[in-house]
Amino acid sequence: MRVTDTAQSAGTGSGEPENLPDQSVAKPLTRHRKLPADEAEVANKPKSPKPAETKTDIVLKKLRLAKGSTLEALIEATGWQAHSVRGFLSGTVKKKLGLSLLSEVGKDGVRRYRLDTKAKAV
């Protein structure tokens, strides 16, 4: 027995598949949308000429004062913990920046840190 195209065979699932509307399987290529003129200007706008003051700048400014700065003042200015401030003074100020850092205990018993502008770091 041979299967022929009849109305009955199409409904039972045997024979050729039904003709479905042509649907493309592959998705069309997507292109990046162009920005409107006002958004493009914002994207290409230069950054502000003066960046915000960093914590490094704040610490260095306090260390350049004639009296220098106490550990507590540096903690308050930066929000860092005491060991972080001491690590910054040792690692960044002395080693990476190569600045000469003085640590002195005053008559009041409080340790002050300051940059020595006369001496070079060793």
PDB file of N, CA and C in Angstrom:
ATOM      1  N   MET A   1       0.829  -1.185   0.000  1.00  0.00           N
ATOM      2  CA  MET A   1       0.000   0.000   0.000  1.00  0.00           C
ATOM      3  C   MET A   1       0.864   1.235   0.000  1.00  0.00           C
ATOM      4  N   ARG A   2       0.438   2.151  -0.801  1.00  0.00           N
ATOM      5  CA  ARG A   2       1.158   3.396  -0.927  1.00  0.00           C
ATOM      6  C   ARG A   2       0.350   4.527  -0.371  1.00  0.00           C
ATOM      7  N   VAL A   3       1.058   5.432   0.303  1.00  0.00           N
ATOM      8  CA  VAL A   3       0.357   6.601   0.852  1.00  0.00           C
ATOM      9  C   VAL A   3       0.309   7.665  -0.222  1.00  0.00           C
ATOM     10  N   THR A   4      -0.861   8.155  -0.454  1.00  0.00           N
ATOM     11  CA  THR A   4      -1.033   9.208  -1.447  1.00  0.00           C
ATOM     12  C   THR A   4      -1.533  10.453  -0.743  1.00  0.00           C
ATOM     13  N   ASP A   5      -1.393  11.557  -1.404  1.00  0.00           N
ATOM     14  CA  ASP A   5      -1.864  12.816  -0.820  1.00  0.00           C
ATOM     15  C   ASP A   5      -3.376  12.840  -0.868  1.00  0.00           C
ATOM     16  N   THR A   6      -3.936  12.687   0.266  1.00  0.00           N
ATOM     17  CA  THR A   6      -5.379  12.802   0.367  1.00  0.00           C
ATOM     18  C   THR A   6      -5.692  13.717   1.518  1.00  0.00           C
ATOM     19  N   ALA A   7      -6.866  14.127   1.635  1.00  0.00           N
ATOM     20  CA  ALA A   7      -7.285  15.008   2.714  1.00  0.00           C
ATOM     21  C   ALA A   7      -7.147  14.297   4.046  1.00  0.00           C
ATOM     22  N   GLN A   8      -7.346  12.992   4.059  1.00  0.00           N
ATOM     23  CA  GLN A   8      -7.284  12.241   5.301  1.00  0.00           C
ATOM     24  C   GLN A   8      -5.853  12.114   5.797  1.00  0.00           C
ATOM     25  N   SER A   9      -4.885  11.901   4.922  1.00  0.00           N
ATOM     26  CA  SER A   9      -3.506  11.711   5.362  1.00  0.00           C
ATOM     27  C   SER A   9      -2.909  13.004   5.906  1.00  0.00           C
ATOM     28  N   ALA A  10      -3.339  14.171   5.424  1.00  0.00           N
ATOM     29  CA  ALA A  10      -2.812  15.442   5.910  1.00  0.00           C
ATOM     30  C   ALA A  10      -3.222  15.674   7.350  1.00  0.00           C
ATOM     31  N   GLY A  11      -4.408  15.260   7.721  1.00  0.00           N
ATOM     32  CA  GLY A  11      -4.885  15.478   9.076  1.00  0.00           C
ATOM     33  C   GLY A  11      -4.298  14.498  10.069  1.00  0.00           C
ATOM     34  N   THR A  12      -3.854  13.337   9.633  1.00  0.00           N
ATOM     35  CA  THR A  12      -3.345  12.329  10.556  1.00  0.00           C
ATOM     36  C   THR A  12      -1.860  12.490  10.816  1.00  0.00           C
ATOM     37  N   GLY A  13      -1.207  13.385  10.132  1.00  0.00           N
ATOM     38  CA  GLY A  13       0.207  13.606  10.367  1.00  0.00           C
ATOM     39  C   GLY A  13       1.092  12.806   9.470  1.00  0.00           C
ATOM     40  N   SER A  14       0.544  12.010   8.568  1.00  0.00           N
ATOM     41  CA  SER A  14       1.385  11.239   7.667  1.00  0.00           C
ATOM     42  C   SER A  14       1.504  12.000   6.365  1.00  0.00           C
ATOM     43  N   GLY A  15       2.543  11.727   5.633  1.00  0.00           N
ATOM     44  CA  GLY A  15       2.732  12.398   4.360  1.00  0.00           C
ATOM     45  C   GLY A  15       3.536  13.679   4.535  1.00  0.00           C
ATOM     46  N   GLU A  16       3.376  14.593   3.615  1.00  0.00           N
ATOM     47  CA  GLU A  16       4.125  15.850   3.614  1.00  0.00           C
ATOM     48  C   GLU A  16       3.619  16.774   4.711  1.00  0.00           C
ATOM     49  N   PRO A  17       4.508  17.576   5.295  1.00  0.00           N
ATOM     50  CA  PRO A  17       4.052  18.546   6.292  1.00  0.00           C
ATOM     51  C   PRO A  17       3.214  19.618   5.623  1.00  0.00           C
ATOM     52  N   GLU A  18       2.362  20.215   6.455  1.00  0.00           N
ATOM     53  CA  GLU A  18       1.491  21.259   5.916  1.00  0.00           C
ATOM     54  C   GLU A  18       2.327  22.456   5.507  1.00  0.00           C
ATOM     55  N   ASN A  19       1.838  23.148   4.509  1.00  0.00           N
ATOM     56  CA  ASN A  19       2.519  24.365   4.094  1.00  0.00           C
ATOM     57  C   ASN A  19       2.199  25.476   5.086  1.00  0.00           C
ATOM     58  N   LEU A  20       3.248  25.907   5.805  1.00  0.00           N
ATOM     59  CA  LEU A  20       3.080  26.994   6.760  1.00  0.00           C
ATOM     60  C   LEU A  20       3.581  28.280   6.131  1.00  0.00           C
ATOM     61  N   PRO A  21       3.104  29.399   6.605  1.00  0.00           N
ATOM     62  CA  PRO A  21       3.626  30.657   6.061  1.00  0.00           C
ATOM     63  C   PRO A  21       5.139  30.709   6.274  1.00  0.00           C
ATOM     64  N   ASP A  22       5.833  31.260   5.308  1.00  0.00           N
ATOM     65  CA  ASP A  22       7.296  31.344   5.402  1.00  0.00           C
ATOM     66  C   ASP A  22       7.687  32.267   6.556  1.00  0.00           C
ATOM     67  N   GLN A  23       8.434  31.723   7.462  1.00  0.00           N
ATOM     68  CA  GLN A  23       8.960  32.513   8.571  1.00  0.00           C
ATOM     69  C   GLN A  23      10.469  32.360   8.537  1.00  0.00           C
ATOM     70  N   SER A  24      11.160  33.491   8.607  1.00  0.00           N
ATOM     71  CA  SER A  24      12.613  33.404   8.561  1.00  0.00           C
ATOM     72  C   SER A  24      13.118  32.931   9.918  1.00  0.00           C
ATOM     73  N   VAL A  25      14.067  32.028   9.898  1.00  0.00           N
ATOM     74  CA  VAL A  25      14.608  31.455  11.112  1.00  0.00           C
ATOM     75  C   VAL A  25      15.675  32.383  11.699  1.00  0.00           C
ATOM     76  N   ALA A  26      16.499  32.930  10.839  1.00  0.00           N
ATOM     77  CA  ALA A  26      17.574  33.802  11.309  1.00  0.00           C
ATOM     78  C   ALA A  26      17.007  35.170  11.651  1.00  0.00           C
ATOM     79  N   LYS A  27      17.530  35.763  12.722  1.00  0.00           N
ATOM     80  CA  LYS A  27      17.087  37.093  13.117  1.00  0.00           C
ATOM     81  C   LYS A  27      17.770  38.119  12.228  1.00  0.00           C
ATOM     82  N   PRO A  28      17.092  39.191  11.937  1.00  0.00           N
ATOM     83  CA  PRO A  28      17.734  40.227  11.123  1.00  0.00           C
ATOM     84  C   PRO A  28      18.881  40.863  11.907  1.00  0.00           C
ATOM     85  N   LEU A  29      19.857  41.382  11.192  1.00  0.00           N
ATOM     86  CA  LEU A  29      20.988  42.035  11.831  1.00  0.00           C
ATOM     87  C   LEU A  29      20.503  43.261  12.587  1.00  0.00           C
ATOM     88  N   THR A  30      21.007  43.420  13.788  1.00  0.00           N
ATOM     89  CA  THR A  30      20.633  44.604  14.558  1.00  0.00           C
ATOM     90  C   THR A  30      21.749  45.617  14.440  1.00  0.00           C
ATOM     91  N   ARG A  31      21.387  46.831  14.318  1.00  0.00           N
ATOM     92  CA  ARG A  31      22.365  47.905  14.213  1.00  0.00           C
ATOM     93  C   ARG A  31      22.257  48.770  15.452  1.00  0.00           C
ATOM     94  N   HIS A  32      23.377  49.314  15.813  1.00  0.00           N
ATOM     95  CA  HIS A  32      23.372  50.210  16.964  1.00  0.00           C
ATOM     96  C   HIS A  32      22.627  51.480  16.589  1.00  0.00           C
ATOM     97  N   ARG A  33      21.785  51.887  17.495  1.00  0.00           N
ATOM     98  CA  ARG A  33      21.008  53.077  17.181  1.00  0.00           C
ATOM     99  C   ARG A  33      21.886  54.311  17.338  1.00  0.00           C
ATOM    100  N   LYS A  34      21.628  55.266  16.509  1.00  0.00           N
ATOM    101  CA  LYS A  34      22.362  56.510  16.598  1.00  0.00           C
ATOM    102  C   LYS A  34      21.764  57.348  17.711  1.00  0.00           C
ATOM    103  N   LEU A  35      22.650  58.029  18.419  1.00  0.00           N
ATOM    104  CA  LEU A  35      22.174  58.898  19.483  1.00  0.00           C
ATOM    105  C   LEU A  35      21.584  60.165  18.888  1.00  0.00           C
ATOM    106  N   PRO A  36      20.513  60.646  19.471  1.00  0.00           N
ATOM    107  CA  PRO A  36      20.019  61.946  19.035  1.00  0.00           C
ATOM    108  C   PRO A  36      21.091  63.000  19.267  1.00  0.00           C
ATOM    109  N   ALA A  37      20.989  64.111  18.607  1.00  0.00           N
ATOM    110  CA  ALA A  37      22.018  65.143  18.648  1.00  0.00           C
ATOM    111  C   ALA A  37      22.297  65.616  20.073  1.00  0.00           C
ATOM    112  N   ASP A  38      21.252  65.789  20.876  1.00  0.00           N
ATOM    113  CA  ASP A  38      21.476  66.285  22.229  1.00  0.00           C
ATOM    114  C   ASP A  38      22.186  65.255  23.100  1.00  0.00           C
ATOM    115  N   GLU A  39      21.903  63.957  22.911  1.00  0.00           N
ATOM    116  CA  GLU A  39      22.586  62.917  23.680  1.00  0.00           C
ATOM    117  C   GLU A  39      24.022  62.753  23.211  1.00  0.00           C
ATOM    118  N   ALA A  40      24.283  62.913  21.923  1.00  0.00           N
ATOM    119  CA  ALA A  40      25.629  62.792  21.390  1.00  0.00           C
ATOM    120  C   ALA A  40      26.516  63.902  21.946  1.00  0.00           C
ATOM    121  N   GLU A  41      25.976  65.094  22.095  1.00  0.00           N
ATOM    122  CA  GLU A  41      26.762  66.195  22.643  1.00  0.00           C
ATOM    123  C   GLU A  41      27.132  65.918  24.087  1.00  0.00           C
ATOM    124  N   VAL A  42      26.222  65.338  24.845  1.00  0.00           N
ATOM    125  CA  VAL A  42      26.501  65.023  26.244  1.00  0.00           C
ATOM    126  C   VAL A  42      27.572  63.952  26.337  1.00  0.00           C
ATOM    127  N   ALA A  43      27.518  62.955  25.456  1.00  0.00           N
ATOM    128  CA  ALA A  43      28.490  61.875  25.484  1.00  0.00           C
ATOM    129  C   ALA A  43      29.885  62.379  25.121  1.00  0.00           C
ATOM    130  N   ASN A  44      29.995  63.346  24.241  1.00  0.00           N
ATOM    131  CA  ASN A  44      31.283  63.867  23.794  1.00  0.00           C
ATOM    132  C   ASN A  44      31.735  65.077  24.598  1.00  0.00           C
ATOM    133  N   LYS A  45      30.973  65.484  25.575  1.00  0.00           N
ATOM    134  CA  LYS A  45      31.299  66.665  26.361  1.00  0.00           C
ATOM    135  C   LYS A  45      32.541  66.379  27.204  1.00  0.00           C
ATOM    136  N   PRO A  46      33.496  67.284  27.231  1.00  0.00           N
ATOM    137  CA  PRO A  46      34.702  67.041  28.022  1.00  0.00           C
ATOM    138  C   PRO A  46      34.394  67.040  29.509  1.00  0.00           C
ATOM    139  N   LYS A  47      35.241  66.325  30.244  1.00  0.00           N
ATOM    140  CA  LYS A  47      35.068  66.250  31.686  1.00  0.00           C
ATOM    141  C   LYS A  47      35.354  67.619  32.301  1.00  0.00           C
ATOM    142  N   SER A  48      34.961  67.778  33.556  1.00  0.00           N
ATOM    143  CA  SER A  48      35.210  69.044  34.226  1.00  0.00           C
ATOM    144  C   SER A  48      36.716  69.261  34.316  1.00  0.00           C
ATOM    145  N   PRO A  49      37.173  70.482  34.152  1.00  0.00           N
ATOM    146  CA  PRO A  49      38.610  70.736  34.099  1.00  0.00           C
ATOM    147  C   PRO A  49      39.310  70.465  35.429  1.00  0.00           C
ATOM    148  N   LYS A  50      38.613  70.647  36.556  1.00  0.00           N
ATOM    149  CA  LYS A  50      39.230  70.430  37.856  1.00  0.00           C
ATOM    150  C   LYS A  50      38.563  69.237  38.530  1.00  0.00           C
ATOM    151  N   PRO A  51      39.298  68.111  38.674  1.00  0.00           N
ATOM    152  CA  PRO A  51      38.694  66.957  39.332  1.00  0.00           C
ATOM    153  C   PRO A  51      38.514  67.226  40.825  1.00  0.00           C
ATOM    154  N   ALA A  52      37.665  66.446  41.438  1.00  0.00           N
ATOM    155  CA  ALA A  52      37.422  66.582  42.867  1.00  0.00           C
ATOM    156  C   ALA A  52      38.699  66.260  43.634  1.00  0.00           C
ATOM    157  N   GLU A  53      38.852  66.866  44.789  1.00  0.00           N
ATOM    158  CA  GLU A  53      40.042  66.650  45.602  1.00  0.00           C
ATOM    159  C   GLU A  53      40.018  65.234  46.177  1.00  0.00           C
ATOM    160  N   THR A  54      41.104  64.509  45.990  1.00  0.00           N
ATOM    161  CA  THR A  54      41.172  63.136  46.466  1.00  0.00           C
ATOM    162  C   THR A  54      41.652  63.100  47.910  1.00  0.00           C
ATOM    163  N   LYS A  55      41.530  61.951  48.535  1.00  0.00           N
ATOM    164  CA  LYS A  55      41.994  61.798  49.909  1.00  0.00           C
ATOM    165  C   LYS A  55      43.506  61.942  49.985  1.00  0.00           C
ATOM    166  N   THR A  56      44.205  61.520  48.945  1.00  0.00           N
ATOM    167  CA  THR A  56      45.652  61.700  48.899  1.00  0.00           C
ATOM    168  C   THR A  56      45.990  63.180  48.932  1.00  0.00           C
ATOM    169  N   ASP A  57      45.273  63.976  48.155  1.00  0.00           N
ATOM    170  CA  ASP A  57      45.502  65.417  48.147  1.00  0.00           C
ATOM    171  C   ASP A  57      45.238  66.030  49.515  1.00  0.00           C
ATOM    172  N   ILE A  58      44.186  65.575  50.171  1.00  0.00           N
ATOM    173  CA  ILE A  58      43.834  66.096  51.489  1.00  0.00           C
ATOM    174  C   ILE A  58      44.940  65.799  52.495  1.00  0.00           C
ATOM    175  N   VAL A  59      45.432  64.562  52.499  1.00  0.00           N
ATOM    176  CA  VAL A  59      46.477  64.171  53.446  1.00  0.00           C
ATOM    177  C   VAL A  59      47.756  64.954  53.173  1.00  0.00           C
ATOM    178  N   LEU A  60      48.152  65.060  51.912  1.00  0.00           N
ATOM    179  CA  LEU A  60      49.376  65.783  51.579  1.00  0.00           C
ATOM    180  C   LEU A  60      49.275  67.256  51.949  1.00  0.00           C
ATOM    181  N   LYS A  61      48.102  67.842  51.759  1.00  0.00           N
ATOM    182  CA  LYS A  61      47.907  69.244  52.123  1.00  0.00           C
ATOM    183  C   LYS A  61      48.081  69.430  53.636  1.00  0.00           C
ATOM    184  N   LYS A  62      47.538  68.508  54.430  1.00  0.00           N
ATOM    185  CA  LYS A  62      47.668  68.594  55.885  1.00  0.00           C
ATOM    186  C   LYS A  62      49.109  68.352  56.327  1.00  0.00           C
ATOM    187  N   LEU A  63      49.816  67.465  55.635  1.00  0.00           N
ATOM    188  CA  LEU A  63      51.208  67.191  55.991  1.00  0.00           C
ATOM    189  C   LEU A  63      52.137  68.339  55.626  1.00  0.00           C
ATOM    190  N   ARG A  64      51.752  69.177  54.683  1.00  0.00           N
ATOM    191  CA  ARG A  64      52.586  70.309  54.276  1.00  0.00           C
ATOM    192  C   ARG A  64      52.447  71.514  55.204  1.00  0.00           C
ATOM    193  N   LEU A  65      51.485  71.469  56.115  1.00  0.00           N
ATOM    194  CA  LEU A  65      51.341  72.558  57.074  1.00  0.00           C
ATOM    195  C   LEU A  65      52.607  72.659  57.921  1.00  0.00           C
ATOM    196  N   ALA A  66      52.901  73.855  58.438  1.00  0.00           N
ATOM    197  CA  ALA A  66      54.116  74.066  59.223  1.00  0.00           C
ATOM    198  C   ALA A  66      54.139  73.181  60.461  1.00  0.00           C
ATOM    199  N   LYS A  67      53.012  73.045  61.129  1.00  0.00           N
ATOM    200  CA  LYS A  67      52.940  72.205  62.325  1.00  0.00           C
ATOM    201  C   LYS A  67      52.757  70.738  61.973  1.00  0.00           C
ATOM    202  N   GLY A  68      52.341  70.434  60.756  1.00  0.00           N
ATOM    203  CA  GLY A  68      52.043  69.068  60.368  1.00  0.00           C
ATOM    204  C   GLY A  68      50.634  68.707  60.787  1.00  0.00           C
ATOM    205  N   SER A  69      50.399  67.431  61.009  1.00  0.00           N
ATOM    206  CA  SER A  69      49.062  66.974  61.361  1.00  0.00           C
ATOM    207  C   SER A  69      49.158  65.766  62.273  1.00  0.00           C
ATOM    208  N   THR A  70      48.189  65.628  63.146  1.00  0.00           N
ATOM    209  CA  THR A  70      48.146  64.475  64.039  1.00  0.00           C
ATOM    210  C   THR A  70      47.455  63.313  63.341  1.00  0.00           C
ATOM    211  N   LEU A  71      47.639  62.143  63.886  1.00  0.00           N
ATOM    212  CA  LEU A  71      46.994  60.954  63.354  1.00  0.00           C
ATOM    213  C   LEU A  71      45.476  61.099  63.414  1.00  0.00           C
ATOM    214  N   GLU A  72      44.988  61.643  64.519  1.00  0.00           N
ATOM    215  CA  GLU A  72      43.542  61.827  64.687  1.00  0.00           C
ATOM    216  C   GLU A  72      42.971  62.784  63.641  1.00  0.00           C
ATOM    217  N   ALA A  73      43.708  63.833  63.308  1.00  0.00           N
ATOM    218  CA  ALA A  73      43.236  64.786  62.305  1.00  0.00           C
ATOM    219  C   ALA A  73      43.169  64.129  60.925  1.00  0.00           C
ATOM    220  N   LEU A  74      44.161  63.290  60.628  1.00  0.00           N
ATOM    221  CA  LEU A  74      44.167  62.597  59.337  1.00  0.00           C
ATOM    222  C   LEU A  74      43.039  61.572  59.265  1.00  0.00           C
ATOM    223  N   ILE A  75      42.761  60.898  60.392  1.00  0.00           N
ATOM    224  CA  ILE A  75      41.658  59.937  60.438  1.00  0.00           C
ATOM    225  C   ILE A  75      40.337  60.656  60.192  1.00  0.00           C
ATOM    226  N   GLU A  76      40.170  61.804  60.822  1.00  0.00           N
ATOM    227  CA  GLU A  76      38.935  62.573  60.679  1.00  0.00           C
ATOM    228  C   GLU A  76      38.760  63.095  59.255  1.00  0.00           C
ATOM    229  N   ALA A  77      39.867  63.520  58.635  1.00  0.00           N
ATOM    230  CA  ALA A  77      39.790  64.097  57.289  1.00  0.00           C
ATOM    231  C   ALA A  77      39.486  63.044  56.228  1.00  0.00           C
ATOM    232  N   THR A  78      40.006  61.830  56.419  1.00  0.00           N
ATOM    233  CA  THR A  78      39.861  60.809  55.381  1.00  0.00           C
ATOM    234  C   THR A  78      38.772  59.788  55.667  1.00  0.00           C
ATOM    235  N   GLY A  79      38.469  59.566  56.938  1.00  0.00           N
ATOM    236  CA  GLY A  79      37.509  58.519  57.283  1.00  0.00           C
ATOM    237  C   GLY A  79      38.154  57.143  57.349  1.00  0.00           C
ATOM    238  N   TRP A  80      39.492  57.096  57.257  1.00  0.00           N
ATOM    239  CA  TRP A  80      40.209  55.836  57.326  1.00  0.00           C
ATOM    240  C   TRP A  80      40.436  55.435  58.771  1.00  0.00           C
ATOM    241  N   GLN A  81      40.784  54.185  58.982  1.00  0.00           N
ATOM    242  CA  GLN A  81      41.175  53.721  60.304  1.00  0.00           C
ATOM    243  C   GLN A  81      42.645  54.064  60.541  1.00  0.00           C
ATOM    244  N   ALA A  82      43.062  54.024  61.792  1.00  0.00           N
ATOM    245  CA  ALA A  82      44.415  54.450  62.164  1.00  0.00           C
ATOM    246  C   ALA A  82      45.486  53.658  61.414  1.00  0.00           C
ATOM    247  N   HIS A  83      45.317  52.337  61.314  1.00  0.00           N
ATOM    248  CA  HIS A  83      46.341  51.533  60.637  1.00  0.00           C
ATOM    249  C   HIS A  83      46.395  51.846  59.141  1.00  0.00           C
ATOM    250  N   SER A  84      45.290  52.269  58.565  1.00  0.00           N
ATOM    251  CA  SER A  84      45.279  52.630  57.148  1.00  0.00           C
ATOM    252  C   SER A  84      46.030  53.933  56.917  1.00  0.00           C
ATOM    253  N   VAL A  85      45.856  54.888  57.821  1.00  0.00           N
ATOM    254  CA  VAL A  85      46.573  56.166  57.700  1.00  0.00           C
ATOM    255  C   VAL A  85      48.069  55.923  57.840  1.00  0.00           C
ATOM    256  N   ARG A  86      48.472  55.141  58.843  1.00  0.00           N
ATOM    257  CA  ARG A  86      49.900  54.862  59.037  1.00  0.00           C
ATOM    258  C   ARG A  86      50.475  54.101  57.838  1.00  0.00           C
ATOM    259  N   GLY A  87      49.714  53.176  57.283  1.00  0.00           N
ATOM    260  CA  GLY A  87      50.155  52.453  56.087  1.00  0.00           C
ATOM    261  C   GLY A  87      50.290  53.373  54.887  1.00  0.00           C
ATOM    262  N   PHE A  88      49.373  54.323  54.760  1.00  0.00           N
ATOM    263  CA  PHE A  88      49.449  55.296  53.666  1.00  0.00           C
ATOM    264  C   PHE A  88      50.692  56.159  53.815  1.00  0.00           C
ATOM    265  N   LEU A  89      50.968  56.591  55.049  1.00  0.00           N
ATOM    266  CA  LEU A  89      52.146  57.433  55.281  1.00  0.00           C
ATOM    267  C   LEU A  89      53.420  56.673  54.940  1.00  0.00           C
ATOM    268  N   SER A  90      53.485  55.430  55.334  1.00  0.00           N
ATOM    269  CA  SER A  90      54.679  54.626  55.089  1.00  0.00           C
ATOM    270  C   SER A  90      54.794  54.199  53.630  1.00  0.00           C
ATOM    271  N   GLY A  91      53.738  53.621  53.105  1.00  0.00           N
ATOM    272  CA  GLY A  91      53.805  53.043  51.769  1.00  0.00           C
ATOM    273  C   GLY A  91      53.718  54.038  50.638  1.00  0.00           C
ATOM    274  N   THR A  92      52.777  54.956  50.735  1.00  0.00           N
ATOM    275  CA  THR A  92      52.562  55.877  49.622  1.00  0.00           C
ATOM    276  C   THR A  92      53.434  57.116  49.734  1.00  0.00           C
ATOM    277  N   VAL A  93      53.370  57.775  50.880  1.00  0.00           N
ATOM    278  CA  VAL A  93      54.091  59.044  51.021  1.00  0.00           C
ATOM    279  C   VAL A  93      55.597  58.818  50.988  1.00  0.00           C
ATOM    280  N   LYS A  94      56.079  57.874  51.789  1.00  0.00           N
ATOM    281  CA  LYS A  94      57.529  57.675  51.867  1.00  0.00           C
ATOM    282  C   LYS A  94      58.077  56.863  50.699  1.00  0.00           C
ATOM    283  N   LYS A  95      57.448  55.731  50.402  1.00  0.00           N
ATOM    284  CA  LYS A  95      58.032  54.821  49.419  1.00  0.00           C
ATOM    285  C   LYS A  95      57.667  55.173  47.979  1.00  0.00           C
ATOM    286  N   LYS A  96      56.372  55.329  47.707  1.00  0.00           N
ATOM    287  CA  LYS A  96      55.968  55.552  46.315  1.00  0.00           C
ATOM    288  C   LYS A  96      56.233  56.980  45.858  1.00  0.00           C
ATOM    289  N   LEU A  97      55.881  57.959  46.695  1.00  0.00           N
ATOM    290  CA  LEU A  97      56.086  59.358  46.309  1.00  0.00           C
ATOM    291  C   LEU A  97      57.502  59.830  46.613  1.00  0.00           C
ATOM    292  N   GLY A  98      58.207  59.127  47.485  1.00  0.00           N
ATOM    293  CA  GLY A  98      59.589  59.476  47.796  1.00  0.00           C
ATOM    294  C   GLY A  98      59.730  60.762  48.589  1.00  0.00           C
ATOM    295  N   LEU A  99      58.724  61.115  49.380  1.00  0.00           N
ATOM    296  CA  LEU A  99      58.780  62.339  50.169  1.00  0.00           C
ATOM    297  C   LEU A  99      59.376  62.041  51.541  1.00  0.00           C
ATOM    298  N   SER A 100      60.029  63.043  52.118  1.00  0.00           N
ATOM    299  CA  SER A 100      60.634  62.884  53.427  1.00  0.00           C
ATOM    300  C   SER A 100      59.587  63.213  54.495  1.00  0.00           C
ATOM    301  N   LEU A 101      59.225  62.237  55.293  1.00  0.00           N
ATOM    302  CA  LEU A 101      58.189  62.391  56.300  1.00  0.00           C
ATOM    303  C   LEU A 101      58.823  62.404  57.680  1.00  0.00           C
ATOM    304  N   LEU A 102      58.496  63.423  58.453  1.00  0.00           N
ATOM    305  CA  LEU A 102      58.993  63.528  59.817  1.00  0.00           C
ATOM    306  C   LEU A 102      57.883  63.181  60.786  1.00  0.00           C
ATOM    307  N   SER A 103      58.258  62.485  61.841  1.00  0.00           N
ATOM    308  CA  SER A 103      57.324  62.125  62.895  1.00  0.00           C
ATOM    309  C   SER A 103      57.908  62.644  64.203  1.00  0.00           C
ATOM    310  N   GLU A 104      57.224  63.583  64.833  1.00  0.00           N
ATOM    311  CA  GLU A 104      57.737  64.203  66.048  1.00  0.00           C
ATOM    312  C   GLU A 104      56.672  64.169  67.136  1.00  0.00           C
ATOM    313  N   VAL A 105      57.127  63.974  68.381  1.00  0.00           N
ATOM    314  CA  VAL A 105      56.227  64.021  69.521  1.00  0.00           C
ATOM    315  C   VAL A 105      56.424  65.384  70.174  1.00  0.00           C
ATOM    316  N   GLY A 106      55.327  66.133  70.297  1.00  0.00           N
ATOM    317  CA  GLY A 106      55.402  67.469  70.881  1.00  0.00           C
ATOM    318  C   GLY A 106      55.431  67.433  72.391  1.00  0.00           C
ATOM    319  N   LYS A 107      55.478  68.631  72.991  1.00  0.00           N
ATOM    320  CA  LYS A 107      55.497  68.755  74.451  1.00  0.00           C
ATOM    321  C   LYS A 107      54.208  68.222  75.071  1.00  0.00           C
ATOM    322  N   ASP A 108      53.145  68.266  74.307  1.00  0.00           N
ATOM    323  CA  ASP A 108      51.861  67.782  74.809  1.00  0.00           C
ATOM    324  C   ASP A 108      51.732  66.261  74.701  1.00  0.00           C
ATOM    325  N   GLY A 109      52.729  65.598  74.148  1.00  0.00           N
ATOM    326  CA  GLY A 109      52.727  64.146  74.054  1.00  0.00           C
ATOM    327  C   GLY A 109      52.002  63.604  72.833  1.00  0.00           C
ATOM    328  N   VAL A 110      51.593  64.487  71.937  1.00  0.00           N
ATOM    329  CA  VAL A 110      50.863  64.077  70.736  1.00  0.00           C
ATOM    330  C   VAL A 110      51.844  63.994  69.570  1.00  0.00           C
ATOM    331  N   ARG A 111      51.805  62.897  68.846  1.00  0.00           N
ATOM    332  CA  ARG A 111      52.675  62.714  67.681  1.00  0.00           C
ATOM    333  C   ARG A 111      52.105  63.470  66.490  1.00  0.00           C
ATOM    334  N   ARG A 112      52.989  64.184  65.810  1.00  0.00           N
ATOM    335  CA  ARG A 112      52.599  64.936  64.611  1.00  0.00           C
ATOM    336  C   ARG A 112      53.457  64.477  63.441  1.00  0.00           C
ATOM    337  N   TYR A 113      52.829  64.390  62.291  1.00  0.00           N
ATOM    338  CA  TYR A 113      53.515  64.022  61.058  1.00  0.00           C
ATOM    339  C   TYR A 113      53.549  65.242  60.150  1.00  0.00           C
ATOM    340  N   ARG A 114      54.704  65.451  59.499  1.00  0.00           N
ATOM    341  CA  ARG A 114      54.801  66.546  58.536  1.00  0.00           C
ATOM    342  C   ARG A 114      55.835  66.203  57.482  1.00  0.00           C
ATOM    343  N   LEU A 115      55.726  66.883  56.349  1.00  0.00           N
ATOM    344  CA  LEU A 115      56.688  66.681  55.278  1.00  0.00           C
ATOM    345  C   LEU A 115      57.867  67.609  55.506  1.00  0.00           C
ATOM    346  N   ASP A 116      59.070  67.084  55.364  1.00  0.00           N
ATOM    347  CA  ASP A 116      60.275  67.897  55.485  1.00  0.00           C
ATOM    348  C   ASP A 116      60.601  68.417  54.097  1.00  0.00           C
ATOM    349  N   THR A 117      60.439  69.700  53.918  1.00  0.00           N
ATOM    350  CA  THR A 117      60.653  70.283  52.593  1.00  0.00           C
ATOM    351  C   THR A 117      62.134  70.490  52.312  1.00  0.00           C
ATOM    352  N   LYS A 118      62.987  70.489  53.348  1.00  0.00           N
ATOM    353  CA  LYS A 118      64.416  70.755  53.169  1.00  0.00           C
ATOM    354  C   LYS A 118      65.196  69.508  52.782  1.00  0.00           C
ATOM    355  N   ALA A 119      64.769  68.361  53.297  1.00  0.00           N
ATOM    356  CA  ALA A 119      65.528  67.118  53.094  1.00  0.00           C
ATOM    357  C   ALA A 119      64.899  66.268  51.987  1.00  0.00           C
ATOM    358  N   LYS A 120      65.726  65.491  51.371  1.00  0.00           N
ATOM    359  CA  LYS A 120      65.258  64.519  50.375  1.00  0.00           C
ATOM    360  C   LYS A 120      65.067  63.184  51.063  1.00  0.00           C
ATOM    361  N   ALA A 121      64.111  62.404  50.581  1.00  0.00           N
ATOM    362  CA  ALA A 121      63.879  61.076  51.164  1.00  0.00           C
ATOM    363  C   ALA A 121      65.027  60.148  50.789  1.00  0.00           C
ATOM    364  N   VAL A 122      65.348  59.263  51.683  1.00  0.00           N
ATOM    365  CA  VAL A 122      66.461  58.344  51.449  1.00  0.00           C
ATOM    366  C   VAL A 122      65.972  57.056  50.852  1.00  0.00           C
TER     367      VAL A 122
END
